[in-house]
Amino acid sequence: MEVGSEIVRGVVEVLMVPAKKQLDYLISYKKYVEDMHHKMIDLDGARVGVESQKKQNKERLLESRHKLRRKAFKIFKEIESVLGRCPEIRGTELQIPLGRIDSNMASTSTPSGDHKSRVKTYNKALEALGPDHKPHMVALWGMGGVGKTTMMKKLR
């Protein structure tokens, strides 16, 4: 008997979940409908607000456009007045030619590589090495492109 009651209890529990859900829908459907009604009222209020804002924006746009039109008309009349008083002013519809920039070739150093300013430095380097050229290390520094590598090749 206990086994049968356990089986019946399990079946009842399984069947009660969907039945309870359906009963819950039947009992609380009025609340759901009321909630939806309140949300519809809120949405309708928002719609009215958006339409009102749209109307105000349209009126401001039309007013701004009208002011701009009047201002442009005044400028046009002023230009006509100036052209009437000064007939020597004429406009042209010809395109202004594009500017032209002449370019020059970049200057290069002399091909010989023997500069007077470097001879003195070269002689000092030779003196530092001494007559027997025995020092193992020589330091030579300076800005790029001034001929350090060329001088080292000559000193060898």
N, C-alpha and C. Protein backbone atom coordinates (compact mmCIF):
# COMPACT_ATOMS: atom_id res chain seq x y z
N MET A 1 0.81 -1.18 0.00
CA MET A 1 0.00 0.00 0.00
C MET A 1 0.87 1.26 0.00
N GLU A 2 1.91 1.21 0.77
CA GLU A 2 2.81 2.37 0.79
C GLU A 2 3.45 2.59 -0.57
N VAL A 3 3.79 1.55 -1.26
CA VAL A 3 4.41 1.66 -2.57
C VAL A 3 3.42 2.31 -3.54
N GLY A 4 2.17 1.90 -3.50
CA GLY A 4 1.14 2.46 -4.37
C GLY A 4 0.91 3.94 -4.09
N SER A 5 0.90 4.29 -2.80
CA SER A 5 0.68 5.70 -2.45
C SER A 5 1.86 6.57 -2.89
N GLU A 6 3.07 6.03 -2.86
CA GLU A 6 4.25 6.77 -3.32
C GLU A 6 4.16 7.01 -4.82
N ILE A 7 3.72 6.01 -5.56
CA ILE A 7 3.59 6.14 -7.01
C ILE A 7 2.53 7.19 -7.35
N VAL A 8 1.37 7.08 -6.64
CA VAL A 8 0.28 8.03 -6.88
C VAL A 8 0.74 9.44 -6.53
N ARG A 9 1.47 9.60 -5.42
CA ARG A 9 1.96 10.92 -5.02
C ARG A 9 2.90 11.49 -6.08
N GLY A 10 3.80 10.69 -6.65
CA GLY A 10 4.72 11.13 -7.70
C GLY A 10 3.98 11.57 -8.94
N VAL A 11 2.95 10.78 -9.34
CA VAL A 11 2.16 11.11 -10.52
C VAL A 11 1.40 12.41 -10.28
N VAL A 12 0.82 12.57 -9.09
CA VAL A 12 0.06 13.77 -8.76
C VAL A 12 0.98 14.99 -8.78
N GLU A 13 2.19 14.86 -8.23
CA GLU A 13 3.13 15.99 -8.22
C GLU A 13 3.51 16.40 -9.64
N VAL A 14 3.73 15.40 -10.50
CA VAL A 14 4.10 15.69 -11.89
C VAL A 14 2.95 16.38 -12.61
N LEU A 15 1.73 15.94 -12.37
CA LEU A 15 0.57 16.52 -13.04
C LEU A 15 0.16 17.86 -12.43
N MET A 16 0.51 18.10 -11.20
CA MET A 16 0.10 19.33 -10.52
C MET A 16 0.84 20.56 -11.06
N VAL A 17 2.07 20.38 -11.50
CA VAL A 17 2.86 21.54 -11.97
C VAL A 17 2.18 22.21 -13.17
N PRO A 18 1.84 21.47 -14.26
CA PRO A 18 1.16 22.14 -15.38
C PRO A 18 -0.24 22.63 -15.00
N ALA A 19 -0.94 21.85 -14.16
CA ALA A 19 -2.30 22.26 -13.75
C ALA A 19 -2.23 23.54 -12.93
N LYS A 20 -1.25 23.62 -12.05
CA LYS A 20 -1.09 24.82 -11.22
C LYS A 20 -0.78 26.04 -12.10
N LYS A 21 0.06 25.83 -13.13
CA LYS A 21 0.40 26.92 -14.04
C LYS A 21 -0.85 27.44 -14.74
N GLN A 22 -1.68 26.52 -15.23
CA GLN A 22 -2.91 26.92 -15.93
C GLN A 22 -3.86 27.64 -14.99
N LEU A 23 -3.99 27.16 -13.76
CA LEU A 23 -4.85 27.82 -12.78
C LEU A 23 -4.32 29.21 -12.44
N ASP A 24 -3.01 29.34 -12.37
CA ASP A 24 -2.39 30.64 -12.09
C ASP A 24 -2.72 31.64 -13.21
N TYR A 25 -2.67 31.18 -14.48
CA TYR A 25 -3.05 32.05 -15.59
C TYR A 25 -4.50 32.49 -15.48
N LEU A 26 -5.39 31.54 -15.15
CA LEU A 26 -6.81 31.86 -15.03
C LEU A 26 -7.08 32.85 -13.91
N ILE A 27 -6.37 32.66 -12.80
CA ILE A 27 -6.60 33.52 -11.64
C ILE A 27 -6.02 34.92 -11.87
N SER A 28 -4.82 35.01 -12.44
CA SER A 28 -4.16 36.31 -12.52
C SER A 28 -4.25 36.96 -13.90
N TYR A 29 -5.11 36.48 -14.80
CA TYR A 29 -5.19 37.09 -16.13
C TYR A 29 -5.68 38.53 -16.05
N LYS A 30 -6.57 38.82 -15.08
CA LYS A 30 -7.06 40.19 -14.95
C LYS A 30 -5.91 41.15 -14.62
N LYS A 31 -5.00 40.68 -13.76
CA LYS A 31 -3.85 41.51 -13.40
C LYS A 31 -2.98 41.77 -14.64
N TYR A 32 -2.76 40.73 -15.45
CA TYR A 32 -1.96 40.88 -16.66
C TYR A 32 -2.62 41.86 -17.63
N VAL A 33 -3.93 41.76 -17.77
CA VAL A 33 -4.66 42.66 -18.67
C VAL A 33 -4.58 44.09 -18.16
N GLU A 34 -4.71 44.29 -16.85
CA GLU A 34 -4.60 45.64 -16.28
C GLU A 34 -3.20 46.21 -16.49
N ASP A 35 -2.18 45.37 -16.28
CA ASP A 35 -0.80 45.83 -16.51
C ASP A 35 -0.61 46.27 -17.96
N MET A 36 -1.13 45.47 -18.90
CA MET A 36 -1.01 45.82 -20.31
C MET A 36 -1.76 47.12 -20.61
N HIS A 37 -2.91 47.31 -19.98
CA HIS A 37 -3.70 48.53 -20.18
C HIS A 37 -2.91 49.75 -19.70
N HIS A 38 -2.26 49.64 -18.53
CA HIS A 38 -1.45 50.75 -18.01
C HIS A 38 -0.26 51.04 -18.93
N LYS A 39 0.36 49.98 -19.46
CA LYS A 39 1.49 50.18 -20.38
C LYS A 39 1.03 50.85 -21.67
N MET A 40 -0.17 50.50 -22.14
CA MET A 40 -0.71 51.14 -23.35
C MET A 40 -0.98 52.61 -23.11
N ILE A 41 -1.48 52.95 -21.91
CA ILE A 41 -1.72 54.36 -21.56
C ILE A 41 -0.39 55.12 -21.54
N ASP A 42 0.65 54.50 -20.94
CA ASP A 42 1.98 55.13 -20.90
C ASP A 42 2.52 55.35 -22.31
N LEU A 43 2.39 54.33 -23.17
CA LEU A 43 2.88 54.46 -24.54
C LEU A 43 2.11 55.53 -25.31
N ASP A 44 0.81 55.62 -25.07
CA ASP A 44 0.01 56.64 -25.75
C ASP A 44 0.47 58.04 -25.31
N GLY A 45 0.75 58.19 -24.02
CA GLY A 45 1.26 59.48 -23.53
C GLY A 45 2.60 59.82 -24.17
N ALA A 46 3.47 58.82 -24.30
CA ALA A 46 4.77 59.06 -24.94
C ALA A 46 4.57 59.44 -26.41
N ARG A 47 3.63 58.79 -27.10
CA ARG A 47 3.35 59.10 -28.50
C ARG A 47 2.88 60.55 -28.64
N VAL A 48 1.99 60.97 -27.75
CA VAL A 48 1.48 62.35 -27.79
C VAL A 48 2.64 63.34 -27.57
N GLY A 49 3.53 63.03 -26.63
CA GLY A 49 4.69 63.89 -26.37
C GLY A 49 5.60 64.00 -27.58
N VAL A 50 5.85 62.87 -28.24
CA VAL A 50 6.72 62.87 -29.42
C VAL A 50 6.08 63.67 -30.55
N GLU A 51 4.78 63.50 -30.75
CA GLU A 51 4.10 64.25 -31.81
C GLU A 51 4.13 65.76 -31.52
N SER A 52 3.97 66.13 -30.25
CA SER A 52 4.02 67.54 -29.87
C SER A 52 5.42 68.11 -30.14
N GLN A 53 6.44 67.36 -29.77
CA GLN A 53 7.83 67.79 -30.01
C GLN A 53 8.09 67.92 -31.51
N LYS A 54 7.56 66.99 -32.28
CA LYS A 54 7.73 67.02 -33.73
C LYS A 54 7.10 68.30 -34.31
N LYS A 55 5.92 68.65 -33.83
CA LYS A 55 5.23 69.84 -34.31
C LYS A 55 6.02 71.11 -33.96
N GLN A 56 6.55 71.16 -32.71
CA GLN A 56 7.35 72.32 -32.29
C GLN A 56 8.61 72.45 -33.13
N ASN A 57 9.27 71.31 -33.37
CA ASN A 57 10.50 71.34 -34.17
C ASN A 57 10.21 71.80 -35.60
N LYS A 58 9.08 71.37 -36.15
CA LYS A 58 8.72 71.77 -37.51
C LYS A 58 8.48 73.28 -37.57
N GLU A 59 7.79 73.81 -36.56
CA GLU A 59 7.53 75.26 -36.53
C GLU A 59 8.84 76.04 -36.43
N ARG A 60 9.77 75.56 -35.56
CA ARG A 60 11.06 76.24 -35.43
C ARG A 60 11.86 76.18 -36.73
N LEU A 61 11.80 75.04 -37.39
CA LEU A 61 12.52 74.88 -38.65
C LEU A 61 11.96 75.83 -39.71
N LEU A 62 10.64 75.91 -39.81
CA LEU A 62 10.04 76.80 -40.80
C LEU A 62 10.39 78.26 -40.51
N GLU A 63 10.37 78.63 -39.23
CA GLU A 63 10.71 80.00 -38.85
C GLU A 63 12.17 80.30 -39.18
N SER A 64 13.07 79.37 -38.87
CA SER A 64 14.49 79.55 -39.15
C SER A 64 14.73 79.64 -40.66
N ARG A 65 14.05 78.81 -41.41
CA ARG A 65 14.19 78.83 -42.87
C ARG A 65 13.70 80.16 -43.44
N HIS A 66 12.61 80.66 -42.89
CA HIS A 66 12.05 81.94 -43.35
C HIS A 66 13.04 83.08 -43.07
N LYS A 67 13.64 83.08 -41.86
CA LYS A 67 14.62 84.11 -41.52
C LYS A 67 15.83 84.05 -42.45
N LEU A 68 16.29 82.85 -42.74
CA LEU A 68 17.44 82.67 -43.62
C LEU A 68 17.11 83.16 -45.03
N ARG A 69 15.90 82.89 -45.49
CA ARG A 69 15.48 83.35 -46.82
C ARG A 69 15.47 84.87 -46.88
N ARG A 70 14.94 85.51 -45.84
CA ARG A 70 14.90 86.98 -45.81
C ARG A 70 16.31 87.56 -45.80
N LYS A 71 17.20 86.95 -45.02
CA LYS A 71 18.59 87.43 -44.94
C LYS A 71 19.28 87.30 -46.30
N ALA A 72 19.08 86.16 -46.97
CA ALA A 72 19.69 85.95 -48.29
C ALA A 72 19.14 86.95 -49.29
N PHE A 73 17.85 87.25 -49.20
CA PHE A 73 17.24 88.22 -50.11
C PHE A 73 17.84 89.61 -49.89
N LYS A 74 18.05 89.99 -48.62
CA LYS A 74 18.66 91.29 -48.32
C LYS A 74 20.08 91.37 -48.89
N ILE A 75 20.85 90.30 -48.74
CA ILE A 75 22.22 90.27 -49.28
C ILE A 75 22.19 90.40 -50.79
N PHE A 76 21.25 89.70 -51.42
CA PHE A 76 21.11 89.77 -52.88
C PHE A 76 20.80 91.20 -53.32
N LYS A 77 19.89 91.85 -52.62
CA LYS A 77 19.53 93.24 -52.95
C LYS A 77 20.73 94.17 -52.76
N GLU A 78 21.51 93.93 -51.72
CA GLU A 78 22.69 94.76 -51.46
C GLU A 78 23.72 94.58 -52.58
N ILE A 79 23.90 93.37 -53.05
CA ILE A 79 24.84 93.11 -54.15
C ILE A 79 24.36 93.83 -55.41
N GLU A 80 23.06 93.73 -55.68
CA GLU A 80 22.51 94.43 -56.85
C GLU A 80 22.74 95.94 -56.74
N SER A 81 22.57 96.49 -55.54
CA SER A 81 22.77 97.92 -55.32
C SER A 81 24.21 98.32 -55.58
N VAL A 82 25.16 97.54 -55.07
CA VAL A 82 26.59 97.83 -55.27
C VAL A 82 26.93 97.74 -56.75
N LEU A 83 26.43 96.73 -57.44
CA LEU A 83 26.71 96.59 -58.87
C LEU A 83 26.08 97.73 -59.66
N GLY A 84 24.94 98.26 -59.19
CA GLY A 84 24.31 99.39 -59.86
C GLY A 84 25.12 100.66 -59.69
N ARG A 85 25.70 100.85 -58.51
CA ARG A 85 26.50 102.05 -58.24
C ARG A 85 27.88 101.98 -58.86
N CYS A 86 28.42 100.77 -58.98
CA CYS A 86 29.78 100.59 -59.52
C CYS A 86 29.72 99.63 -60.71
N PRO A 87 29.38 100.13 -61.88
CA PRO A 87 29.23 99.23 -63.03
C PRO A 87 30.55 98.63 -63.52
N GLU A 88 31.68 99.20 -63.07
CA GLU A 88 32.96 98.65 -63.53
C GLU A 88 33.30 97.31 -62.86
N ILE A 89 32.57 96.97 -61.80
CA ILE A 89 32.80 95.67 -61.16
C ILE A 89 32.10 94.61 -61.99
N ARG A 90 32.87 93.67 -62.45
CA ARG A 90 32.29 92.58 -63.24
C ARG A 90 32.75 91.25 -62.68
N GLY A 91 31.90 90.31 -62.79
CA GLY A 91 32.26 88.96 -62.37
C GLY A 91 32.69 88.15 -63.57
N THR A 92 33.30 87.07 -63.34
CA THR A 92 33.69 86.18 -64.42
C THR A 92 33.40 84.75 -64.00
N GLU A 93 33.13 83.97 -64.99
CA GLU A 93 32.85 82.56 -64.70
C GLU A 93 34.01 81.68 -65.14
N LEU A 94 35.11 82.33 -65.51
CA LEU A 94 36.28 81.57 -65.92
C LEU A 94 36.95 80.96 -64.70
N GLN A 95 37.45 79.76 -64.88
CA GLN A 95 38.13 79.10 -63.78
C GLN A 95 39.51 79.71 -63.60
N ILE A 96 39.86 79.95 -62.36
CA ILE A 96 41.18 80.50 -62.03
C ILE A 96 42.20 79.39 -62.27
N PRO A 97 43.27 79.69 -63.02
CA PRO A 97 44.27 78.64 -63.27
C PRO A 97 44.95 78.21 -61.98
N LEU A 98 45.31 76.96 -61.94
CA LEU A 98 45.98 76.42 -60.76
C LEU A 98 47.39 76.98 -60.67
N GLY A 99 47.88 77.15 -59.46
CA GLY A 99 49.22 77.66 -59.25
C GLY A 99 50.26 76.63 -59.67
N ARG A 100 51.43 77.11 -60.03
CA ARG A 100 52.50 76.22 -60.45
C ARG A 100 53.72 76.51 -59.61
N ILE A 101 54.33 75.48 -59.13
CA ILE A 101 55.53 75.63 -58.30
C ILE A 101 56.71 75.05 -59.07
N ASP A 102 57.72 75.88 -59.28
CA ASP A 102 58.93 75.40 -59.95
C ASP A 102 59.79 74.68 -58.92
N SER A 103 60.30 73.54 -59.32
CA SER A 103 61.14 72.79 -58.39
C SER A 103 62.59 72.82 -58.87
N ASN A 104 63.50 72.84 -57.94
CA ASN A 104 64.93 72.82 -58.24
C ASN A 104 65.50 71.48 -57.79
N MET A 105 66.53 71.06 -58.48
CA MET A 105 67.20 69.82 -58.09
C MET A 105 67.96 70.08 -56.79
N ALA A 106 68.02 69.07 -55.95
CA ALA A 106 68.74 69.19 -54.69
C ALA A 106 70.24 69.26 -54.97
N SER A 107 70.93 70.05 -54.18
CA SER A 107 72.37 70.17 -54.37
C SER A 107 73.06 68.93 -53.83
N THR A 108 74.19 68.59 -54.43
CA THR A 108 74.96 67.42 -53.98
C THR A 108 76.36 67.87 -53.62
N SER A 109 77.06 67.01 -52.92
CA SER A 109 78.43 67.35 -52.54
C SER A 109 79.34 67.16 -53.74
N THR A 110 80.56 67.69 -53.61
CA THR A 110 81.52 67.57 -54.72
C THR A 110 81.91 66.12 -54.89
N PRO A 111 82.07 65.68 -56.11
CA PRO A 111 82.37 64.27 -56.34
C PRO A 111 83.73 63.83 -55.83
N SER A 112 84.68 64.73 -55.70
CA SER A 112 86.03 64.32 -55.30
C SER A 112 86.07 63.85 -53.85
N GLY A 113 85.26 64.43 -52.97
CA GLY A 113 85.24 64.03 -51.57
C GLY A 113 86.34 64.68 -50.75
N ASP A 114 87.29 65.39 -51.37
CA ASP A 114 88.37 66.06 -50.64
C ASP A 114 87.94 67.48 -50.33
N HIS A 115 87.56 67.71 -49.11
CA HIS A 115 87.15 69.04 -48.69
C HIS A 115 88.26 69.63 -47.83
N LYS A 116 88.45 70.94 -47.94
CA LYS A 116 89.50 71.62 -47.18
C LYS A 116 89.27 71.47 -45.68
N SER A 117 88.02 71.48 -45.26
CA SER A 117 87.74 71.39 -43.83
C SER A 117 88.06 70.01 -43.28
N ARG A 118 88.10 69.00 -44.13
CA ARG A 118 88.36 67.64 -43.66
C ARG A 118 89.85 67.31 -43.65
N VAL A 119 90.64 68.01 -44.40
CA VAL A 119 92.08 67.72 -44.47
C VAL A 119 92.72 67.91 -43.11
N LYS A 120 92.36 68.97 -42.40
CA LYS A 120 92.92 69.25 -41.08
C LYS A 120 92.55 68.13 -40.11
N THR A 121 91.30 67.72 -40.14
CA THR A 121 90.85 66.64 -39.25
C THR A 121 91.55 65.33 -39.60
N TYR A 122 91.75 65.07 -40.88
CA TYR A 122 92.41 63.84 -41.33
C TYR A 122 93.86 63.82 -40.84
N ASN A 123 94.53 64.95 -40.92
CA ASN A 123 95.92 65.02 -40.46
C ASN A 123 96.02 64.81 -38.95
N LYS A 124 95.06 65.36 -38.18
CA LYS A 124 95.06 65.15 -36.73
C LYS A 124 94.85 63.68 -36.40
N ALA A 125 93.99 63.02 -37.16
CA ALA A 125 93.74 61.60 -36.92
C ALA A 125 94.99 60.78 -37.22
N LEU A 126 95.72 61.13 -38.26
CA LEU A 126 96.96 60.42 -38.59
C LEU A 126 98.00 60.60 -37.49
N GLU A 127 98.10 61.82 -36.93
CA GLU A 127 99.04 62.08 -35.84
C GLU A 127 98.67 61.26 -34.61
N ALA A 128 97.37 61.15 -34.34
CA ALA A 128 96.92 60.39 -33.17
C ALA A 128 97.26 58.91 -33.32
N LEU A 129 97.21 58.41 -34.51
CA LEU A 129 97.54 57.00 -34.73
C LEU A 129 99.04 56.76 -34.56
N GLY A 130 99.81 57.77 -34.79
CA GLY A 130 101.26 57.63 -34.63
C GLY A 130 101.89 57.08 -35.89
N PRO A 131 103.26 57.12 -35.91
CA PRO A 131 103.95 56.67 -37.13
C PRO A 131 103.84 55.16 -37.35
N ASP A 132 103.65 54.38 -36.29
CA ASP A 132 103.61 52.93 -36.47
C ASP A 132 102.18 52.38 -36.61
N HIS A 133 101.18 53.20 -36.47
CA HIS A 133 99.76 52.80 -36.59
C HIS A 133 99.43 51.61 -35.71
N LYS A 134 99.92 51.60 -34.46
CA LYS A 134 99.69 50.45 -33.58
C LYS A 134 98.44 50.53 -32.72
N PRO A 135 97.82 51.68 -32.45
CA PRO A 135 96.64 51.66 -31.59
C PRO A 135 95.56 50.75 -32.17
N HIS A 136 94.88 50.06 -31.26
CA HIS A 136 93.85 49.11 -31.70
C HIS A 136 92.47 49.75 -31.85
N MET A 137 92.27 50.92 -31.26
CA MET A 137 90.93 51.50 -31.29
C MET A 137 91.01 52.99 -31.56
N VAL A 138 90.13 53.46 -32.45
CA VAL A 138 90.04 54.88 -32.77
C VAL A 138 88.57 55.26 -32.68
N ALA A 139 88.27 56.37 -32.00
CA ALA A 139 86.88 56.84 -31.90
C ALA A 139 86.69 58.00 -32.86
N LEU A 140 85.65 57.93 -33.64
CA LEU A 140 85.34 58.98 -34.60
C LEU A 140 83.83 59.20 -34.53
N TRP A 141 83.42 60.42 -34.22
CA TRP A 141 81.98 60.68 -34.08
C TRP A 141 81.62 61.98 -34.76
N GLY A 142 80.32 62.11 -35.03
CA GLY A 142 79.82 63.32 -35.68
C GLY A 142 78.42 63.08 -36.23
N MET A 143 77.87 64.12 -36.79
CA MET A 143 76.53 64.03 -37.36
C MET A 143 76.54 63.09 -38.57
N GLY A 144 75.36 62.60 -38.90
CA GLY A 144 75.25 61.72 -40.05
C GLY A 144 75.52 62.47 -41.34
N GLY A 145 76.21 61.80 -42.27
CA GLY A 145 76.43 62.39 -43.58
C GLY A 145 77.60 63.33 -43.69
N VAL A 146 78.48 63.37 -42.67
CA VAL A 146 79.61 64.30 -42.73
C VAL A 146 80.90 63.63 -43.20
N GLY A 147 80.87 62.32 -43.45
CA GLY A 147 82.04 61.65 -44.02
C GLY A 147 82.87 60.83 -43.05
N LYS A 148 82.28 60.34 -41.96
CA LYS A 148 83.04 59.54 -40.99
C LYS A 148 83.53 58.24 -41.62
N THR A 149 82.66 57.56 -42.33
CA THR A 149 83.03 56.28 -42.94
C THR A 149 84.11 56.49 -44.00
N THR A 150 83.98 57.53 -44.78
CA THR A 150 84.98 57.82 -45.82
C THR A 150 86.34 58.08 -45.19
N MET A 151 86.37 58.83 -44.11
CA MET A 151 87.64 59.12 -43.43
C MET A 151 88.26 57.83 -42.88
N MET A 152 87.45 56.94 -42.32
CA MET A 152 87.99 55.69 -41.78
C MET A 152 88.59 54.83 -42.89
N LYS A 153 87.97 54.85 -44.05
CA LYS A 153 88.51 54.09 -45.18
C LYS A 153 89.87 54.65 -45.60
N LYS A 154 90.02 55.97 -45.59
CA LYS A 154 91.30 56.60 -45.95
C LYS A 154 92.37 56.31 -44.91
N LEU A 155 91.97 56.26 -43.64
CA LEU A 155 92.95 56.03 -42.57
C LEU A 155 93.49 54.61 -42.59
N ARG A 156 92.82 53.69 -43.15
CA ARG A 156 93.30 52.30 -43.20
C ARG A 156 94.51 52.26 -44.06
